[in-house]
PDB file of N, CA and C in Angstrom:
ATOM      1  N   MET A   1     123.740  22.175 170.183  1.00  0.00           N
ATOM      2  CA  MET A   1     123.751  22.924 168.934  1.00  0.00           C
ATOM      3  C   MET A   1     122.551  23.851 168.856  1.00  0.00           C
ATOM      4  N   VAL A   2     121.361  23.316 169.154  1.00  0.00           N
ATOM      5  CA  VAL A   2     120.148  24.121 169.052  1.00  0.00           C
ATOM      6  C   VAL A   2     120.172  25.247 170.079  1.00  0.00           C
ATOM      7  N   GLY A   3     120.613  24.932 171.295  1.00  0.00           N
ATOM      8  CA  GLY A   3     120.693  25.954 172.337  1.00  0.00           C
ATOM      9  C   GLY A   3     121.676  27.058 171.977  1.00  0.00           C
ATOM     10  N   ALA A   4     122.812  26.684 171.405  1.00  0.00           N
ATOM     11  CA  ALA A   4     123.803  27.682 171.000  1.00  0.00           C
ATOM     12  C   ALA A   4     123.258  28.577 169.894  1.00  0.00           C
ATOM     13  N   LEU A   5     122.509  28.010 168.949  1.00  0.00           N
ATOM     14  CA  LEU A   5     121.930  28.816 167.877  1.00  0.00           C
ATOM     15  C   LEU A   5     120.886  29.791 168.411  1.00  0.00           C
ATOM     16  N   ILE A   6     120.096  29.361 169.395  1.00  0.00           N
ATOM     17  CA  ILE A   6     119.113  30.260 169.998  1.00  0.00           C
ATOM     18  C   ILE A   6     119.814  31.405 170.712  1.00  0.00           C
ATOM     19  N   ILE A   7     120.887  31.106 171.429  1.00  0.00           N
ATOM     20  CA  ILE A   7     121.629  32.152 172.144  1.00  0.00           C
ATOM     21  C   ILE A   7     122.275  33.126 171.173  1.00  0.00           C
ATOM     22  N   ILE A   8     122.881  32.630 170.107  1.00  0.00           N
ATOM     23  CA  ILE A   8     123.501  33.512 169.109  1.00  0.00           C
ATOM     24  C   ILE A   8     122.452  34.396 168.452  1.00  0.00           C
ATOM     25  N   LEU A   9     121.304  33.832 168.097  1.00  0.00           N
ATOM     26  CA  LEU A   9     120.237  34.621 167.485  1.00  0.00           C
ATOM     27  C   LEU A   9     119.723  35.677 168.451  1.00  0.00           C
ATOM     28  N   ALA A  10     119.560  35.312 169.721  1.00  0.00           N
ATOM     29  CA  ALA A  10     119.072  36.280 170.711  1.00  0.00           C
ATOM     30  C   ALA A  10     120.070  37.422 170.887  1.00  0.00           C
ATOM     31  N   ILE A  11     121.358  37.113 170.935  1.00  0.00           N
ATOM     32  CA  ILE A  11     122.376  38.159 171.082  1.00  0.00           C
ATOM     33  C   ILE A  11     122.368  39.084 169.881  1.00  0.00           C
ATOM     34  N   LEU A  12     122.340  38.521 168.676  1.00  0.00           N
ATOM     35  CA  LEU A  12     122.308  39.365 167.471  1.00  0.00           C
ATOM     36  C   LEU A  12     121.044  40.213 167.416  1.00  0.00           C
ATOM     37  N   TRP A  13     119.929  39.633 167.808  1.00  0.00           N
ATOM     38  CA  TRP A  13     118.663  40.353 167.751  1.00  0.00           C
ATOM     39  C   TRP A  13     118.635  41.493 168.758  1.00  0.00           C
ATOM     40  N   PHE A  14     119.044  41.210 170.004  1.00  0.00           N
ATOM     41  CA  PHE A  14     119.029  42.249 171.034  1.00  0.00           C
ATOM     42  C   PHE A  14     120.048  43.339 170.759  1.00  0.00           C
ATOM     43  N   LEU A  15     121.240  42.985 170.311  1.00  0.00           N
ATOM     44  CA  LEU A  15     122.236  44.012 170.022  1.00  0.00           C
ATOM     45  C   LEU A  15     121.868  44.836 168.798  1.00  0.00           C
ATOM     46  N   GLY A  16     121.003  44.305 167.953  1.00  0.00           N
ATOM     47  CA  GLY A  16     120.539  45.078 166.810  1.00  0.00           C
ATOM     48  C   GLY A  16     119.523  46.135 167.187  1.00  0.00           C
ATOM     49  N   TYR A  17     118.759  45.903 168.252  1.00  0.00           N
ATOM     50  CA  TYR A  17     117.725  46.845 168.671  1.00  0.00           C
ATOM     51  C   TYR A  17     118.120  47.672 169.880  1.00  0.00           C
ATOM     52  N   ILE A  18     118.897  47.097 170.794  1.00  0.00           N
ATOM     53  CA  ILE A  18     119.255  47.765 172.032  1.00  0.00           C
ATOM     54  C   ILE A  18     120.734  48.140 171.971  1.00  0.00           C
ATOM     55  N   HIS A  19     121.041  49.387 172.251  1.00  0.00           N
ATOM     56  CA  HIS A  19     122.426  49.847 172.262  1.00  0.00           C
ATOM     57  C   HIS A  19     122.880  49.994 173.704  1.00  0.00           C
ATOM     58  N   ILE A  20     123.820  49.154 174.123  1.00  0.00           N
ATOM     59  CA  ILE A  20     124.356  49.159 175.475  1.00  0.00           C
ATOM     60  C   ILE A  20     125.537  50.120 175.497  1.00  0.00           C
ATOM     61  N   GLY A  21     125.657  50.894 176.562  1.00  0.00           N
ATOM     62  CA  GLY A  21     126.656  51.951 176.646  1.00  0.00           C
ATOM     63  C   GLY A  21     128.081  51.511 176.395  1.00  0.00           C
ATOM     64  N   GLY A  22     128.553  50.438 177.025  1.00  0.00           N
ATOM     65  CA  GLY A  22     129.945  50.032 176.893  1.00  0.00           C
ATOM     66  C   GLY A  22     130.224  49.120 175.716  1.00  0.00           C
ATOM     67  N   VAL A  23     129.188  48.655 175.042  1.00  0.00           N
ATOM     68  CA  VAL A  23     129.359  47.710 173.937  1.00  0.00           C
ATOM     69  C   VAL A  23     129.131  48.446 172.619  1.00  0.00           C
ATOM     70  N   ALA A  24     130.181  48.549 171.835  1.00  0.00           N
ATOM     71  CA  ALA A  24     130.078  49.207 170.540  1.00  0.00           C
ATOM     72  C   ALA A  24     130.039  48.144 169.443  1.00  0.00           C
ATOM     73  N   VAL A  25     128.912  48.060 168.774  1.00  0.00           N
ATOM     74  CA  VAL A  25     128.757  47.094 167.693  1.00  0.00           C
ATOM     75  C   VAL A  25     128.910  47.856 166.373  1.00  0.00           C
ATOM     76  N   PRO A  26     129.963  47.545 165.610  1.00  0.00           N
ATOM     77  CA  PRO A  26     130.141  48.267 164.351  1.00  0.00           C
ATOM     78  C   PRO A  26     129.101  47.860 163.318  1.00  0.00           C
ATOM     79  N   ASN A  27     128.593  48.823 162.618  1.00  0.00           N
ATOM     80  CA  ASN A  27     127.621  48.573 161.560  1.00  0.00           C
ATOM     81  C   ASN A  27     128.293  48.935 160.235  1.00  0.00           C
ATOM     82  N   ILE A  28     129.103  48.027 159.749  1.00  0.00           N
ATOM     83  CA  ILE A  28     129.943  48.273 158.579  1.00  0.00           C
ATOM     84  C   ILE A  28     129.146  48.017 157.308  1.00  0.00           C
ATOM     85  N   PRO A  29     128.980  49.039 156.460  1.00  0.00           N
ATOM     86  CA  PRO A  29     128.296  48.801 155.178  1.00  0.00           C
ATOM     87  C   PRO A  29     129.207  48.026 154.225  1.00  0.00           C
ATOM     88  N   LEU A  30     128.675  46.950 153.665  1.00  0.00           N
ATOM     89  CA  LEU A  30     129.459  46.127 152.749  1.00  0.00           C
ATOM     90  C   LEU A  30     129.271  46.541 151.294  1.00  0.00           C
ATOM     91  N   PHE A  31     128.014  46.685 150.887  1.00  0.00           N
ATOM     92  CA  PHE A  31     127.724  47.085 149.519  1.00  0.00           C
ATOM     93  C   PHE A  31     126.315  47.644 149.452  1.00  0.00           C
ATOM     94  N   THR A  32     126.012  48.238 148.307  1.00  0.00           N
ATOM     95  CA  THR A  32     124.688  48.795 148.066  1.00  0.00           C
ATOM     96  C   THR A  32     124.037  48.011 146.945  1.00  0.00           C
ATOM     97  N   LEU A  33     122.787  47.603 147.176  1.00  0.00           N
ATOM     98  CA  LEU A  33     122.049  46.852 146.183  1.00  0.00           C
ATOM     99  C   LEU A  33     120.639  47.422 146.111  1.00  0.00           C
ATOM    100  N   ASN A  34     120.251  47.879 144.940  1.00  0.00           N
ATOM    101  CA  ASN A  34     118.924  48.447 144.740  1.00  0.00           C
ATOM    102  C   ASN A  34     118.691  49.633 145.679  1.00  0.00           C
ATOM    103  N   SER A  35     119.709  50.465 145.822  1.00  0.00           N
ATOM    104  CA  SER A  35     119.734  51.655 146.679  1.00  0.00           C
ATOM    105  C   SER A  35     119.512  51.328 148.152  1.00  0.00           C
ATOM    106  N   GLN A  36     119.735  50.089 148.560  1.00  0.00           N
ATOM    107  CA  GLN A  36     119.674  49.676 149.964  1.00  0.00           C
ATOM    108  C   GLN A  36     121.081  49.276 150.405  1.00  0.00           C
ATOM    109  N   VAL A  37     121.498  49.782 151.543  1.00  0.00           N
ATOM    110  CA  VAL A  37     122.819  49.459 152.062  1.00  0.00           C
ATOM    111  C   VAL A  37     122.742  48.125 152.806  1.00  0.00           C
ATOM    112  N   ILE A  38     123.566  47.182 152.395  1.00  0.00           N
ATOM    113  CA  ILE A  38     123.660  45.881 153.046  1.00  0.00           C
ATOM    114  C   ILE A  38     124.861  45.941 153.982  1.00  0.00           C
ATOM    115  N   THR A  39     124.600  45.715 155.272  1.00  0.00           N
ATOM    116  CA  THR A  39     125.656  45.834 156.276  1.00  0.00           C
ATOM    117  C   THR A  39     126.144  44.459 156.703  1.00  0.00           C
ATOM    118  N   LEU A  40     127.251  44.472 157.430  1.00  0.00           N
ATOM    119  CA  LEU A  40     127.796  43.242 157.975  1.00  0.00           C
ATOM    120  C   LEU A  40     126.812  42.608 158.943  1.00  0.00           C
ATOM    121  N   TRP A  41     126.071  43.429 159.661  1.00  0.00           N
ATOM    122  CA  TRP A  41     125.067  42.944 160.609  1.00  0.00           C
ATOM    123  C   TRP A  41     123.983  42.140 159.895  1.00  0.00           C
ATOM    124  N   ASP A  42     123.518  42.633 158.748  1.00  0.00           N
ATOM    125  CA  ASP A  42     122.504  41.919 157.962  1.00  0.00           C
ATOM    126  C   ASP A  42     123.024  40.564 157.485  1.00  0.00           C
ATOM    127  N   VAL A  43     124.274  40.523 157.059  1.00  0.00           N
ATOM    128  CA  VAL A  43     124.856  39.267 156.569  1.00  0.00           C
ATOM    129  C   VAL A  43     125.014  38.258 157.711  1.00  0.00           C
ATOM    130  N   LEU A  44     125.442  38.724 158.893  1.00  0.00           N
ATOM    131  CA  LEU A  44     125.583  37.822 160.041  1.00  0.00           C
ATOM    132  C   LEU A  44     124.239  37.231 160.451  1.00  0.00           C
ATOM    133  N   ILE A  45     123.219  38.066 160.518  1.00  0.00           N
ATOM    134  CA  ILE A  45     121.897  37.570 160.883  1.00  0.00           C
ATOM    135  C   ILE A  45     121.381  36.593 159.824  1.00  0.00           C
ATOM    136  N   LEU A  46     121.635  36.874 158.558  1.00  0.00           N
ATOM    137  CA  LEU A  46     121.220  35.962 157.485  1.00  0.00           C
ATOM    138  C   LEU A  46     121.899  34.606 157.622  1.00  0.00           C
ATOM    139  N   LEU A  47     123.182  34.587 157.933  1.00  0.00           N
ATOM    140  CA  LEU A  47     123.896  33.320 158.082  1.00  0.00           C
ATOM    141  C   LEU A  47     123.371  32.505 159.264  1.00  0.00           C
ATOM    142  N   VAL A  48     123.097  33.181 160.390  1.00  0.00           N
ATOM    143  CA  VAL A  48     122.571  32.463 161.556  1.00  0.00           C
ATOM    144  C   VAL A  48     121.173  31.928 161.260  1.00  0.00           C
ATOM    145  N   LEU A  49     120.322  32.750 160.644  1.00  0.00           N
ATOM    146  CA  LEU A  49     118.969  32.301 160.334  1.00  0.00           C
ATOM    147  C   LEU A  49     118.959  31.172 159.309  1.00  0.00           C
ATOM    148  N   ALA A  50     119.848  31.224 158.330  1.00  0.00           N
ATOM    149  CA  ALA A  50     119.916  30.143 157.349  1.00  0.00           C
ATOM    150  C   ALA A  50     120.357  28.834 158.004  1.00  0.00           C
ATOM    151  N   THR A  51     121.275  28.915 158.972  1.00  0.00           N
ATOM    152  CA  THR A  51     121.696  27.729 159.697  1.00  0.00           C
ATOM    153  C   THR A  51     120.557  27.163 160.537  1.00  0.00           C
ATOM    154  N   ILE A  52     119.819  28.054 161.186  1.00  0.00           N
ATOM    155  CA  ILE A  52     118.701  27.611 162.018  1.00  0.00           C
ATOM    156  C   ILE A  52     117.605  26.980 161.166  1.00  0.00           C
ATOM    157  N   VAL A  53     117.312  27.573 160.023  1.00  0.00           N
ATOM    158  CA  VAL A  53     116.281  27.008 159.145  1.00  0.00           C
ATOM    159  C   VAL A  53     116.684  25.609 158.687  1.00  0.00           C
ATOM    160  N   GLY A  54     117.962  25.382 158.485  1.00  0.00           N
ATOM    161  CA  GLY A  54     118.433  24.060 158.096  1.00  0.00           C
ATOM    162  C   GLY A  54     118.291  23.016 159.186  1.00  0.00           C
ATOM    163  N   VAL A  55     118.240  23.430 160.451  1.00  0.00           N
ATOM    164  CA  VAL A  55     118.138  22.505 161.578  1.00  0.00           C
ATOM    165  C   VAL A  55     116.687  22.136 161.887  1.00  0.00           C
ATOM    166  N   LEU A  56     115.759  22.995 161.537  1.00  0.00           N
ATOM    167  CA  LEU A  56     114.352  22.798 161.901  1.00  0.00           C
ATOM    168  C   LEU A  56     113.752  21.555 161.236  1.00  0.00           C
ATOM    169  N   PRO A  57     112.738  20.953 161.877  1.00  0.00           N
ATOM    170  CA  PRO A  57     112.025  19.841 161.229  1.00  0.00           C
ATOM    171  C   PRO A  57     111.185  20.347 160.058  1.00  0.00           C
ATOM    172  N   SER A  58     110.681  19.445 159.263  1.00  0.00           N
ATOM    173  CA  SER A  58     110.099  19.765 157.959  1.00  0.00           C
ATOM    174  C   SER A  58     109.013  20.834 157.933  1.00  0.00           C
ATOM    175  N   PRO A  59     107.937  20.782 158.671  1.00  0.00           N
ATOM    176  CA  PRO A  59     106.928  21.836 158.489  1.00  0.00           C
ATOM    177  C   PRO A  59     107.438  23.209 158.922  1.00  0.00           C
ATOM    178  N   PHE A  60     108.240  23.257 159.986  1.00  0.00           N
ATOM    179  CA  PHE A  60     108.772  24.535 160.438  1.00  0.00           C
ATOM    180  C   PHE A  60     109.858  25.045 159.502  1.00  0.00           C
ATOM    181  N   ARG A  61     110.622  24.143 158.891  1.00  0.00           N
ATOM    182  CA  ARG A  61     111.660  24.544 157.938  1.00  0.00           C
ATOM    183  C   ARG A  61     111.040  25.228 156.728  1.00  0.00           C
ATOM    184  N   GLN A  62     109.928  24.702 156.256  1.00  0.00           N
ATOM    185  CA  GLN A  62     109.288  25.293 155.085  1.00  0.00           C
ATOM    186  C   GLN A  62     108.687  26.648 155.408  1.00  0.00           C
ATOM    187  N   ILE A  63     108.045  26.780 156.565  1.00  0.00           N
ATOM    188  CA  ILE A  63     107.461  28.065 156.953  1.00  0.00           C
ATOM    189  C   ILE A  63     108.553  29.108 157.167  1.00  0.00           C
ATOM    190  N   ALA A  64     109.592  28.740 157.916  1.00  0.00           N
ATOM    191  CA  ALA A  64     110.684  29.676 158.175  1.00  0.00           C
ATOM    192  C   ALA A  64     111.444  30.011 156.895  1.00  0.00           C
ATOM    193  N   GLY A  65     111.544  29.056 155.972  1.00  0.00           N
ATOM    194  CA  GLY A  65     112.213  29.326 154.696  1.00  0.00           C
ATOM    195  C   GLY A  65     111.472  30.357 153.862  1.00  0.00           C
ATOM    196  N   VAL A  66     110.158  30.265 153.825  1.00  0.00           N
ATOM    197  CA  VAL A  66     109.361  31.250 153.080  1.00  0.00           C
ATOM    198  C   VAL A  66     109.475  32.632 153.722  1.00  0.00           C
ATOM    199  N   ILE A  67     109.407  32.670 155.062  1.00  0.00           N
ATOM    200  CA  ILE A  67     109.538  33.955 155.749  1.00  0.00           C
ATOM    201  C   ILE A  67     110.945  34.520 155.560  1.00  0.00           C
ATOM    202  N   LEU A  68     111.961  33.656 155.521  1.00  0.00           N
ATOM    203  CA  LEU A  68     113.332  34.102 155.280  1.00  0.00           C
ATOM    204  C   LEU A  68     113.470  34.718 153.891  1.00  0.00           C
ATOM    205  N   ILE A  69     112.822  34.145 152.900  1.00  0.00           N
ATOM    206  CA  ILE A  69     112.850  34.719 151.553  1.00  0.00           C
ATOM    207  C   ILE A  69     112.171  36.085 151.538  1.00  0.00           C
ATOM    208  N   PHE A  70     111.034  36.205 152.244  1.00  0.00           N
ATOM    209  CA  PHE A  70     110.375  37.509 152.356  1.00  0.00           C
ATOM    210  C   PHE A  70     111.277  38.523 153.042  1.00  0.00           C
ATOM    211  N   TRP A  71     112.021  38.095 154.071  1.00  0.00           N
ATOM    212  CA  TRP A  71     112.917  39.002 154.784  1.00  0.00           C
ATOM    213  C   TRP A  71     114.038  39.483 153.865  1.00  0.00           C
ATOM    214  N   ILE A  72     114.600  38.572 153.082  1.00  0.00           N
ATOM    215  CA  ILE A  72     115.659  38.959 152.142  1.00  0.00           C
ATOM    216  C   ILE A  72     115.126  39.967 151.135  1.00  0.00           C
ATOM    217  N   LEU A  73     113.917  39.723 150.620  1.00  0.00           N
ATOM    218  CA  LEU A  73     113.327  40.665 149.670  1.00  0.00           C
ATOM    219  C   LEU A  73     113.037  42.016 150.311  1.00  0.00           C
ATOM    220  N   SER A  74     112.675  42.034 151.583  1.00  0.00           N
ATOM    221  CA  SER A  74     112.402  43.318 152.238  1.00  0.00           C
ATOM    222  C   SER A  74     113.699  44.056 152.560  1.00  0.00           C
ATOM    223  N   VAL A  75     114.782  43.334 152.875  1.00  0.00           N
ATOM    224  CA  VAL A  75     116.064  43.988 153.110  1.00  0.00           C
ATOM    225  C   VAL A  75     116.584  44.604 151.817  1.00  0.00           C
ATOM    226  N   LEU A  76     116.338  43.953 150.708  1.00  0.00           N
ATOM    227  CA  LEU A  76     116.771  44.483 149.418  1.00  0.00           C
ATOM    228  C   LEU A  76     115.871  45.600 148.905  1.00  0.00           C
ATOM    229  N   GLY A  77     114.753  45.838 149.569  1.00  0.00           N
ATOM    230  CA  GLY A  77     113.871  46.935 149.185  1.00  0.00           C
ATOM    231  C   GLY A  77     112.868  46.563 148.116  1.00  0.00           C
ATOM    232  N   ILE A  78     112.719  45.293 147.808  1.00  0.00           N
ATOM    233  CA  ILE A  78     111.773  44.868 146.781  1.00  0.00           C
ATOM    234  C   ILE A  78     110.368  44.785 147.359  1.00  0.00           C
ATOM    235  N   LEU A  79     110.236  44.208 148.557  1.00  0.00           N
ATOM    236  CA  LEU A  79     108.955  44.119 149.255  1.00  0.00           C
ATOM    237  C   LEU A  79     109.063  44.877 150.575  1.00  0.00           C
ATOM    238  N   VAL A  80     107.952  45.404 151.043  1.00  0.00           N
ATOM    239  CA  VAL A  80     107.951  46.120 152.313  1.00  0.00           C
ATOM    240  C   VAL A  80     106.911  45.488 153.224  1.00  0.00           C
ATOM    241  N   PHE A  81     107.370  44.928 154.346  1.00  0.00           N
ATOM    242  CA  PHE A  81     106.504  44.340 155.359  1.00  0.00           C
ATOM    243  C   PHE A  81     106.868  44.943 156.708  1.00  0.00           C
ATOM    244  N   ALA A  82     105.884  45.458 157.419  1.00  0.00           N
ATOM    245  CA  ALA A  82     106.134  45.997 158.756  1.00  0.00           C
ATOM    246  C   ALA A  82     106.224  44.847 159.750  1.00  0.00           C
ATOM    247  N   GLY A  83     107.270  44.841 160.556  1.00  0.00           N
ATOM    248  CA  GLY A  83     107.424  43.816 161.589  1.00  0.00           C
ATOM    249  C   GLY A  83     107.863  42.471 161.080  1.00  0.00           C
ATOM    250  N   LEU A  84     108.440  42.397 159.900  1.00  0.00           N
ATOM    251  CA  LEU A  84     108.820  41.104 159.330  1.00  0.00           C
ATOM    252  C   LEU A  84     109.948  40.449 160.114  1.00  0.00           C
ATOM    253  N   SER A  85     110.903  41.230 160.604  1.00  0.00           N
ATOM    254  CA  SER A  85     112.010  40.626 161.346  1.00  0.00           C
ATOM    255  C   SER A  85     111.516  39.990 162.637  1.00  0.00           C
ATOM    256  N   SER A  86     110.577  40.627 163.304  1.00  0.00           N
ATOM    257  CA  SER A  86     110.019  40.050 164.531  1.00  0.00           C
ATOM    258  C   SER A  86     109.254  38.775 164.227  1.00  0.00           C
ATOM    259  N   LEU A  87     108.531  38.748 163.119  1.00  0.00           N
ATOM    260  CA  LEU A  87     107.794  37.552 162.721  1.00  0.00           C
ATOM    261  C   LEU A  87     108.745  36.404 162.399  1.00  0.00           C
ATOM    262  N   LEU A  88     109.840  36.702 161.732  1.00  0.00           N
ATOM    263  CA  LEU A  88     110.821  35.673 161.391  1.00  0.00           C
ATOM    264  C   LEU A  88     111.464  35.105 162.647  1.00  0.00           C
ATOM    265  N   VAL A  89     111.872  35.970 163.561  1.00  0.00           N
ATOM    266  CA  VAL A  89     112.500  35.499 164.788  1.00  0.00           C
ATOM    267  C   VAL A  89     111.516  34.669 165.601  1.00  0.00           C
ATOM    268  N   LEU A  90     110.269  35.107 165.663  1.00  0.00           N
ATOM    269  CA  LEU A  90     109.253  34.358 166.403  1.00  0.00           C
ATOM    270  C   LEU A  90     109.029  32.970 165.797  1.00  0.00           C
ATOM    271  N   ALA A  91     108.945  32.889 164.479  1.00  0.00           N
ATOM    272  CA  ALA A  91     108.739  31.593 163.816  1.00  0.00           C
ATOM    273  C   ALA A  91     109.918  30.664 164.043  1.00  0.00           C
ATOM    274  N   VAL A  92     111.127  31.194 163.988  1.00  0.00           N
ATOM    275  CA  VAL A  92     112.310  30.360 164.183  1.00  0.00           C
ATOM    276  C   VAL A  92     112.411  29.885 165.631  1.00  0.00           C
ATOM    277  N   VAL A  93     112.142  30.767 166.591  1.00  0.00           N
ATOM    278  CA  VAL A  93     112.229  30.378 168.000  1.00  0.00           C
ATOM    279  C   VAL A  93     111.169  29.340 168.352  1.00  0.00           C
ATOM    280  N   VAL A  94     109.943  29.509 167.875  1.00  0.00           N
ATOM    281  CA  VAL A  94     108.893  28.527 168.136  1.00  0.00           C
ATOM    282  C   VAL A  94     109.263  27.176 167.521  1.00  0.00           C
ATOM    283  N   GLY A  95     109.784  27.182 166.317  1.00  0.00           N
ATOM    284  CA  GLY A  95     110.205  25.932 165.688  1.00  0.00           C
ATOM    285  C   GLY A  95     111.342  25.263 166.435  1.00  0.00           C
ATOM    286  N   LEU A  96     112.297  26.047 166.924  1.00  0.00           N
ATOM    287  CA  LEU A  96     113.405  25.470 167.675  1.00  0.00           C
ATOM    288  C   LEU A  96     112.946  24.924 169.025  1.00  0.00           C
ATOM    289  N   ILE A  97     111.986  25.588 169.655  1.00  0.00           N
ATOM    290  CA  ILE A  97     111.464  25.080 170.921  1.00  0.00           C
ATOM    291  C   ILE A  97     110.763  23.746 170.704  1.00  0.00           C
ATOM    292  N   PHE A  98     109.933  23.652 169.655  1.00  0.00           N
ATOM    293  CA  PHE A  98     109.276  22.377 169.359  1.00  0.00           C
ATOM    294  C   PHE A  98     110.298  21.295 169.024  1.00  0.00           C
ATOM    295  N   TYR A  99     111.334  21.676 168.312  1.00  0.00           N
ATOM    296  CA  TYR A  99     112.390  20.709 167.960  1.00  0.00           C
ATOM    297  C   TYR A  99     113.138  20.256 169.200  1.00  0.00           C
ATOM    298  N   ALA A 100     113.429  21.198 170.107  1.00  0.00           N
ATOM    299  CA  ALA A 100     114.163  20.854 171.325  1.00  0.00           C
ATOM    300  C   ALA A 100     113.338  19.976 172.251  1.00  0.00           C
ATOM    301  N   LEU A 101     112.033  20.138 172.250  1.00  0.00           N
ATOM    302  CA  LEU A 101     111.171  19.311 173.091  1.00  0.00           C
ATOM    303  C   LEU A 101     110.953  17.915 172.499  1.00  0.00           C
ATOM    304  N   GLY A 102     111.530  17.662 171.367  1.00  0.00           N
ATOM    305  CA  GLY A 102     111.474  16.331 170.780  1.00  0.00           C
ATOM    306  C   GLY A 102     110.242  16.070 169.949  1.00  0.00           C
ATOM    307  N   GLY A 103     109.565  17.116 169.523  1.00  0.00           N
ATOM    308  CA  GLY A 103     108.386  16.944 168.696  1.00  0.00           C
ATOM    309  C   GLY A 103     107.200  16.394 169.452  1.00  0.00           C
ATOM    310  N   ALA A 104     107.145  16.655 170.758  1.00  0.00           N
ATOM    311  CA  ALA A 104     106.053  16.122 171.579  1.00  0.00           C
ATOM    312  C   ALA A 104     104.699  16.712 171.177  1.00  0.00           C
ATOM    313  N   PHE A 105     104.705  17.889 170.578  1.00  0.00           N
ATOM    314  CA  PHE A 105     103.454  18.544 170.211  1.00  0.00           C
ATOM    315  C   PHE A 105     103.065  18.291 168.766  1.00  0.00           C
ATOM    316  N   LEU A 106     103.903  17.628 168.017  1.00  0.00           N
ATOM    317  CA  LEU A 106     103.597  17.396 166.602  1.00  0.00           C
ATOM    318  C   LEU A 106     102.915  16.076 166.404  1.00  0.00           C
TER     319      LEU A 106
END
C-alpha cells in the first residue's frame, strides 16, 4: 500500500512538471474559487496526499497535515508560499520512508 502510494504520488508529481511528448495529460478546469481555477489535476493530487497523510504515523501525520492545509490555502489564493508543493512532497516522502522502514529511526 505504501509503495503504491509513493509511486502514484511520484507519477502525478512528475507529470505535473514534466511534459512528455507522447503523453497528453488533460488539465480540465473544474471550477473557479476566489478567482483561482481549480483543475482536475489539483483534485487528484489532493486526494492522493490526503490518503498518504492518513497512513503516516503520528508526528509525521501532524506535520504533513499542517503543510497540506497551507497547500490548500495557497491553491485557493489565500496564502502565497514559494516552493510549497515541493516542501509538501518532501515531507510526505520522508514520512513514508520512515514508516516503511518500520520506525527504526523514531
